[in-house]
């Protein structure tokens, strides 16, 4: 049985077209936000903002950009990606706990 776009009902094609348009819109908005975050980060470094403010801000901007990359460009928000997402969250949790553990051992 051949699956072509002509065999699909008109409503199905319109629905898919609308979904693709919405997904493209989200990706463009996310891309623009990531570029904006990058410019903000570069601007803070160039203007030599106080390091007590800039380091946490840069870390937060980096984390937000990673989340945008995963959810919008790697399609982790779509159905069928729950197991890879759980593995990544588990790995991030283990990495975070490891960093906290070693930081507390070193500084305590």
N, C-alpha and C. Protein backbone atom coordinates (compact mmCIF):
# COMPACT_ATOMS: atom_id res chain seq x y z
N UNK A 1 0.85 -1.18 0.00
CA UNK A 1 0.00 0.00 0.00
C UNK A 1 0.89 1.23 0.00
N UNK A 2 0.69 2.10 -0.93
CA UNK A 2 1.52 3.28 -1.08
C UNK A 2 0.99 4.40 -0.20
N UNK A 3 1.93 5.06 0.51
CA UNK A 3 1.53 6.18 1.37
C UNK A 3 1.98 7.47 0.70
N UNK A 4 1.11 8.12 0.05
CA UNK A 4 1.44 9.41 -0.56
C UNK A 4 0.53 10.48 0.04
N UNK A 5 0.91 11.70 -0.18
CA UNK A 5 0.12 12.80 0.37
C UNK A 5 -1.24 12.90 -0.32
N UNK A 6 -1.37 12.32 -1.53
CA UNK A 6 -2.64 12.39 -2.23
C UNK A 6 -3.68 11.44 -1.65
N UNK A 7 -3.24 10.39 -0.98
CA UNK A 7 -4.19 9.42 -0.43
C UNK A 7 -4.74 9.87 0.92
N UNK A 8 -4.13 10.89 1.53
CA UNK A 8 -4.61 11.37 2.82
C UNK A 8 -5.81 12.30 2.62
N UNK A 9 -6.70 12.29 3.55
CA UNK A 9 -7.83 13.22 3.47
C UNK A 9 -7.36 14.67 3.58
N UNK A 10 -8.15 15.54 3.06
CA UNK A 10 -7.81 16.96 3.04
C UNK A 10 -7.61 17.50 4.45
N UNK A 11 -8.45 17.08 5.38
CA UNK A 11 -8.33 17.57 6.76
C UNK A 11 -7.01 17.15 7.39
N UNK A 12 -6.59 15.92 7.10
CA UNK A 12 -5.33 15.42 7.65
C UNK A 12 -4.15 16.22 7.13
N UNK A 13 -4.15 16.52 5.84
CA UNK A 13 -3.08 17.33 5.26
C UNK A 13 -3.06 18.72 5.86
N UNK A 14 -4.23 19.32 6.03
CA UNK A 14 -4.30 20.67 6.62
C UNK A 14 -3.81 20.65 8.07
N UNK A 15 -4.19 19.61 8.80
CA UNK A 15 -3.75 19.49 10.19
C UNK A 15 -2.24 19.35 10.26
N UNK A 16 -1.66 18.50 9.43
CA UNK A 16 -0.21 18.32 9.42
C UNK A 16 0.50 19.60 9.01
N UNK A 17 -0.04 20.29 8.03
CA UNK A 17 0.54 21.55 7.58
C UNK A 17 0.53 22.58 8.71
N UNK A 18 -0.59 22.63 9.44
CA UNK A 18 -0.70 23.55 10.56
C UNK A 18 0.29 23.19 11.67
N UNK A 19 0.44 21.89 11.94
CA UNK A 19 1.38 21.43 12.97
C UNK A 19 2.82 21.78 12.58
N UNK A 20 3.18 21.57 11.33
CA UNK A 20 4.53 21.88 10.86
C UNK A 20 4.80 23.38 10.94
N UNK A 21 3.79 24.16 10.58
CA UNK A 21 3.93 25.62 10.64
C UNK A 21 4.14 26.08 12.08
N UNK A 22 3.38 25.51 13.00
CA UNK A 22 3.50 25.87 14.42
C UNK A 22 4.87 25.44 14.96
N UNK A 23 5.33 24.26 14.58
CA UNK A 23 6.63 23.79 15.04
C UNK A 23 7.75 24.68 14.49
N UNK A 24 7.65 25.07 13.24
CA UNK A 24 8.66 25.95 12.65
C UNK A 24 8.66 27.30 13.35
N UNK A 25 7.49 27.81 13.68
CA UNK A 25 7.38 29.08 14.39
C UNK A 25 8.06 28.99 15.75
N UNK A 26 7.83 27.89 16.48
CA UNK A 26 8.47 27.70 17.78
C UNK A 26 9.98 27.60 17.65
N UNK A 27 10.46 26.92 16.62
CA UNK A 27 11.90 26.79 16.43
C UNK A 27 12.54 28.13 16.10
N UNK A 28 11.88 28.94 15.29
CA UNK A 28 12.43 30.26 14.95
C UNK A 28 12.46 31.15 16.19
N UNK A 29 11.40 31.14 16.98
CA UNK A 29 11.36 31.95 18.20
C UNK A 29 12.45 31.49 19.16
N UNK A 30 12.62 30.19 19.31
CA UNK A 30 13.65 29.65 20.19
C UNK A 30 15.03 30.04 19.69
N UNK A 31 15.26 29.96 18.39
CA UNK A 31 16.55 30.34 17.83
C UNK A 31 16.85 31.81 18.10
N UNK A 32 15.87 32.67 17.89
CA UNK A 32 16.05 34.10 18.15
C UNK A 32 16.36 34.34 19.63
N UNK A 33 15.66 33.64 20.52
CA UNK A 33 15.94 33.79 21.95
C UNK A 33 17.35 33.33 22.31
N UNK A 34 17.80 32.23 21.70
CA UNK A 34 19.15 31.76 21.98
C UNK A 34 20.21 32.75 21.48
N UNK A 35 19.98 33.34 20.33
CA UNK A 35 20.90 34.37 19.82
C UNK A 35 20.89 35.57 20.76
N UNK A 36 19.71 35.97 21.22
CA UNK A 36 19.60 37.09 22.15
C UNK A 36 20.35 36.80 23.45
N UNK A 37 20.18 35.59 23.99
CA UNK A 37 20.90 35.20 25.21
C UNK A 37 22.41 35.24 24.99
N UNK A 38 22.86 34.83 23.82
CA UNK A 38 24.28 34.85 23.51
C UNK A 38 24.79 36.28 23.46
N UNK A 39 24.04 37.18 22.83
CA UNK A 39 24.43 38.59 22.79
C UNK A 39 24.46 39.20 24.18
N UNK A 40 23.49 38.85 25.01
CA UNK A 40 23.48 39.34 26.40
C UNK A 40 24.73 38.87 27.13
N UNK A 41 25.06 37.60 26.97
CA UNK A 41 26.24 37.05 27.64
C UNK A 41 27.51 37.75 27.15
N UNK A 42 27.67 37.90 25.83
CA UNK A 42 28.84 38.60 25.31
C UNK A 42 28.87 40.04 25.78
N UNK A 43 27.73 40.71 25.79
CA UNK A 43 27.67 42.09 26.25
C UNK A 43 28.09 42.24 27.70
N UNK A 44 27.66 41.30 28.54
CA UNK A 44 28.05 41.37 29.95
C UNK A 44 29.54 41.16 30.12
N UNK A 45 30.12 40.29 29.33
CA UNK A 45 31.57 40.04 29.42
C UNK A 45 32.34 41.23 28.88
N UNK A 46 31.89 41.80 27.76
CA UNK A 46 32.59 42.94 27.17
C UNK A 46 32.51 44.15 28.09
N UNK A 47 31.36 44.35 28.75
CA UNK A 47 31.20 45.51 29.65
C UNK A 47 31.85 45.27 31.01
N UNK A 48 32.45 44.10 31.19
CA UNK A 48 33.15 43.75 32.43
C UNK A 48 32.26 43.92 33.66
N UNK A 49 31.12 43.26 33.61
CA UNK A 49 30.19 43.27 34.73
C UNK A 49 30.84 42.53 35.91
N UNK A 50 30.44 42.88 37.12
CA UNK A 50 30.99 42.27 38.33
C UNK A 50 30.90 40.74 38.25
N UNK A 51 31.98 40.05 38.60
CA UNK A 51 32.04 38.60 38.45
C UNK A 51 31.06 37.87 39.36
N UNK A 52 30.68 38.48 40.49
CA UNK A 52 29.70 37.84 41.38
C UNK A 52 28.32 37.80 40.74
N UNK A 53 28.07 38.67 39.80
CA UNK A 53 26.80 38.69 39.08
C UNK A 53 26.88 37.92 37.76
N UNK A 54 28.01 38.07 37.07
CA UNK A 54 28.11 37.53 35.72
C UNK A 54 28.20 36.01 35.69
N UNK A 55 28.92 35.40 36.63
CA UNK A 55 29.10 33.95 36.60
C UNK A 55 27.77 33.21 36.78
N UNK A 56 26.97 33.52 37.81
CA UNK A 56 25.68 32.82 37.91
C UNK A 56 24.75 33.12 36.73
N UNK A 57 24.79 34.34 36.23
CA UNK A 57 23.94 34.71 35.10
C UNK A 57 24.34 33.92 33.85
N UNK A 58 25.63 33.79 33.60
CA UNK A 58 26.09 33.02 32.44
C UNK A 58 25.72 31.55 32.58
N UNK A 59 25.81 31.02 33.78
CA UNK A 59 25.44 29.62 34.00
C UNK A 59 23.94 29.42 33.75
N UNK A 60 23.13 30.34 34.24
CA UNK A 60 21.68 30.25 34.02
C UNK A 60 21.34 30.37 32.54
N UNK A 61 21.98 31.31 31.84
CA UNK A 61 21.73 31.45 30.40
C UNK A 61 22.16 30.18 29.65
N UNK A 62 23.26 29.58 30.06
CA UNK A 62 23.72 28.34 29.41
C UNK A 62 22.74 27.21 29.65
N UNK A 63 22.23 27.09 30.86
CA UNK A 63 21.26 26.03 31.16
C UNK A 63 19.98 26.23 30.35
N UNK A 64 19.52 27.46 30.25
CA UNK A 64 18.31 27.75 29.47
C UNK A 64 18.54 27.40 28.00
N UNK A 65 19.72 27.71 27.49
CA UNK A 65 20.01 27.39 26.09
C UNK A 65 20.07 25.89 25.86
N UNK A 66 20.61 25.15 26.81
CA UNK A 66 20.65 23.69 26.69
C UNK A 66 19.23 23.13 26.67
N UNK A 67 18.37 23.64 27.53
CA UNK A 67 16.98 23.19 27.56
C UNK A 67 16.29 23.50 26.22
N UNK A 68 16.51 24.70 25.69
CA UNK A 68 15.94 25.04 24.38
C UNK A 68 16.46 24.08 23.31
N UNK A 69 17.75 23.80 23.34
CA UNK A 69 18.33 22.88 22.34
C UNK A 69 17.67 21.51 22.42
N UNK A 70 17.54 21.01 23.64
CA UNK A 70 16.98 19.67 23.80
C UNK A 70 15.51 19.61 23.40
N UNK A 71 14.73 20.55 23.88
CA UNK A 71 13.29 20.46 23.68
C UNK A 71 12.83 20.87 22.29
N UNK A 72 13.47 21.86 21.69
CA UNK A 72 12.96 22.34 20.41
C UNK A 72 13.76 21.84 19.22
N UNK A 73 15.09 21.77 19.33
CA UNK A 73 15.89 21.35 18.18
C UNK A 73 16.16 19.86 18.18
N UNK A 74 16.17 19.22 19.34
CA UNK A 74 16.35 17.77 19.40
C UNK A 74 15.00 17.07 19.56
N UNK A 75 13.91 17.81 19.55
CA UNK A 75 12.54 17.29 19.58
C UNK A 75 12.24 16.43 20.80
N UNK A 76 12.82 16.76 21.94
CA UNK A 76 12.57 15.97 23.16
C UNK A 76 11.16 16.22 23.70
N UNK A 77 10.49 17.25 23.23
CA UNK A 77 9.13 17.53 23.69
C UNK A 77 8.10 16.64 23.02
N UNK A 78 8.48 15.99 21.93
CA UNK A 78 7.54 15.16 21.17
C UNK A 78 7.31 13.83 21.86
N UNK A 79 6.21 13.19 21.48
CA UNK A 79 5.88 11.87 22.03
C UNK A 79 6.93 10.86 21.60
N UNK A 80 7.14 9.86 22.44
CA UNK A 80 8.07 8.80 22.12
C UNK A 80 9.49 9.06 22.56
N UNK A 81 9.73 10.17 23.24
CA UNK A 81 11.06 10.50 23.70
C UNK A 81 11.16 10.49 25.23
N UNK A 82 10.26 9.78 25.88
CA UNK A 82 10.26 9.80 27.35
C UNK A 82 11.47 9.06 27.93
N UNK A 83 11.83 7.92 27.35
CA UNK A 83 12.95 7.16 27.89
C UNK A 83 14.28 7.91 27.70
N UNK A 84 14.59 8.44 26.50
CA UNK A 84 15.82 9.22 26.39
C UNK A 84 15.82 10.44 27.31
N UNK A 85 14.65 11.08 27.47
CA UNK A 85 14.57 12.24 28.36
C UNK A 85 14.85 11.83 29.80
N UNK A 86 14.28 10.70 30.23
CA UNK A 86 14.51 10.24 31.60
C UNK A 86 15.98 9.88 31.82
N UNK A 87 16.61 9.28 30.83
CA UNK A 87 18.03 8.95 30.94
C UNK A 87 18.88 10.22 31.05
N UNK A 88 18.52 11.23 30.27
CA UNK A 88 19.27 12.48 30.32
C UNK A 88 19.06 13.18 31.65
N UNK A 89 17.82 13.20 32.14
CA UNK A 89 17.56 13.80 33.45
C UNK A 89 18.30 13.05 34.55
N UNK A 90 18.30 11.73 34.46
CA UNK A 90 19.02 10.93 35.44
C UNK A 90 20.51 11.22 35.41
N UNK A 91 21.07 11.31 34.21
CA UNK A 91 22.49 11.65 34.08
C UNK A 91 22.81 13.03 34.61
N UNK A 92 21.92 14.00 34.34
CA UNK A 92 22.12 15.35 34.85
C UNK A 92 22.02 15.37 36.37
N UNK A 93 21.10 14.58 36.93
CA UNK A 93 20.96 14.53 38.39
C UNK A 93 22.21 13.91 39.03
N UNK A 94 22.71 12.83 38.44
CA UNK A 94 23.93 12.21 38.98
C UNK A 94 25.11 13.17 38.86
N UNK A 95 25.24 13.85 37.73
CA UNK A 95 26.32 14.81 37.55
C UNK A 95 26.21 15.95 38.57
N UNK A 96 24.99 16.45 38.77
CA UNK A 96 24.80 17.53 39.75
C UNK A 96 25.13 17.08 41.16
N UNK A 97 24.68 15.90 41.54
CA UNK A 97 24.99 15.38 42.87
C UNK A 97 26.49 15.14 43.05
N UNK A 98 27.15 14.69 41.99
CA UNK A 98 28.60 14.48 42.06
C UNK A 98 29.32 15.80 42.26
N UNK A 99 28.93 16.81 41.53
CA UNK A 99 29.56 18.13 41.68
C UNK A 99 29.31 18.69 43.07
N UNK A 100 28.08 18.58 43.56
CA UNK A 100 27.77 19.07 44.91
C UNK A 100 28.57 18.30 45.95
N UNK A 101 28.68 16.99 45.79
CA UNK A 101 29.42 16.17 46.75
C UNK A 101 30.88 16.57 46.80
N UNK A 102 31.53 16.65 45.63
CA UNK A 102 32.94 17.00 45.62
C UNK A 102 33.18 18.44 46.05
N UNK A 103 32.27 19.34 45.72
CA UNK A 103 32.41 20.73 46.16
C UNK A 103 32.29 20.81 47.68
N UNK A 104 31.36 20.05 48.27
CA UNK A 104 31.23 20.10 49.74
C UNK A 104 32.42 19.41 50.43
N UNK A 105 32.96 18.37 49.82
CA UNK A 105 34.15 17.70 50.40
C UNK A 105 35.34 18.64 50.36
N UNK A 106 35.52 19.33 49.27
CA UNK A 106 36.68 20.22 49.11
C UNK A 106 36.56 21.45 50.00
N UNK A 107 35.38 22.07 50.07
CA UNK A 107 35.24 23.33 50.79
C UNK A 107 34.78 23.18 52.23
N UNK A 108 34.48 21.99 52.66
CA UNK A 108 33.99 21.87 54.03
C UNK A 108 35.08 21.59 54.95
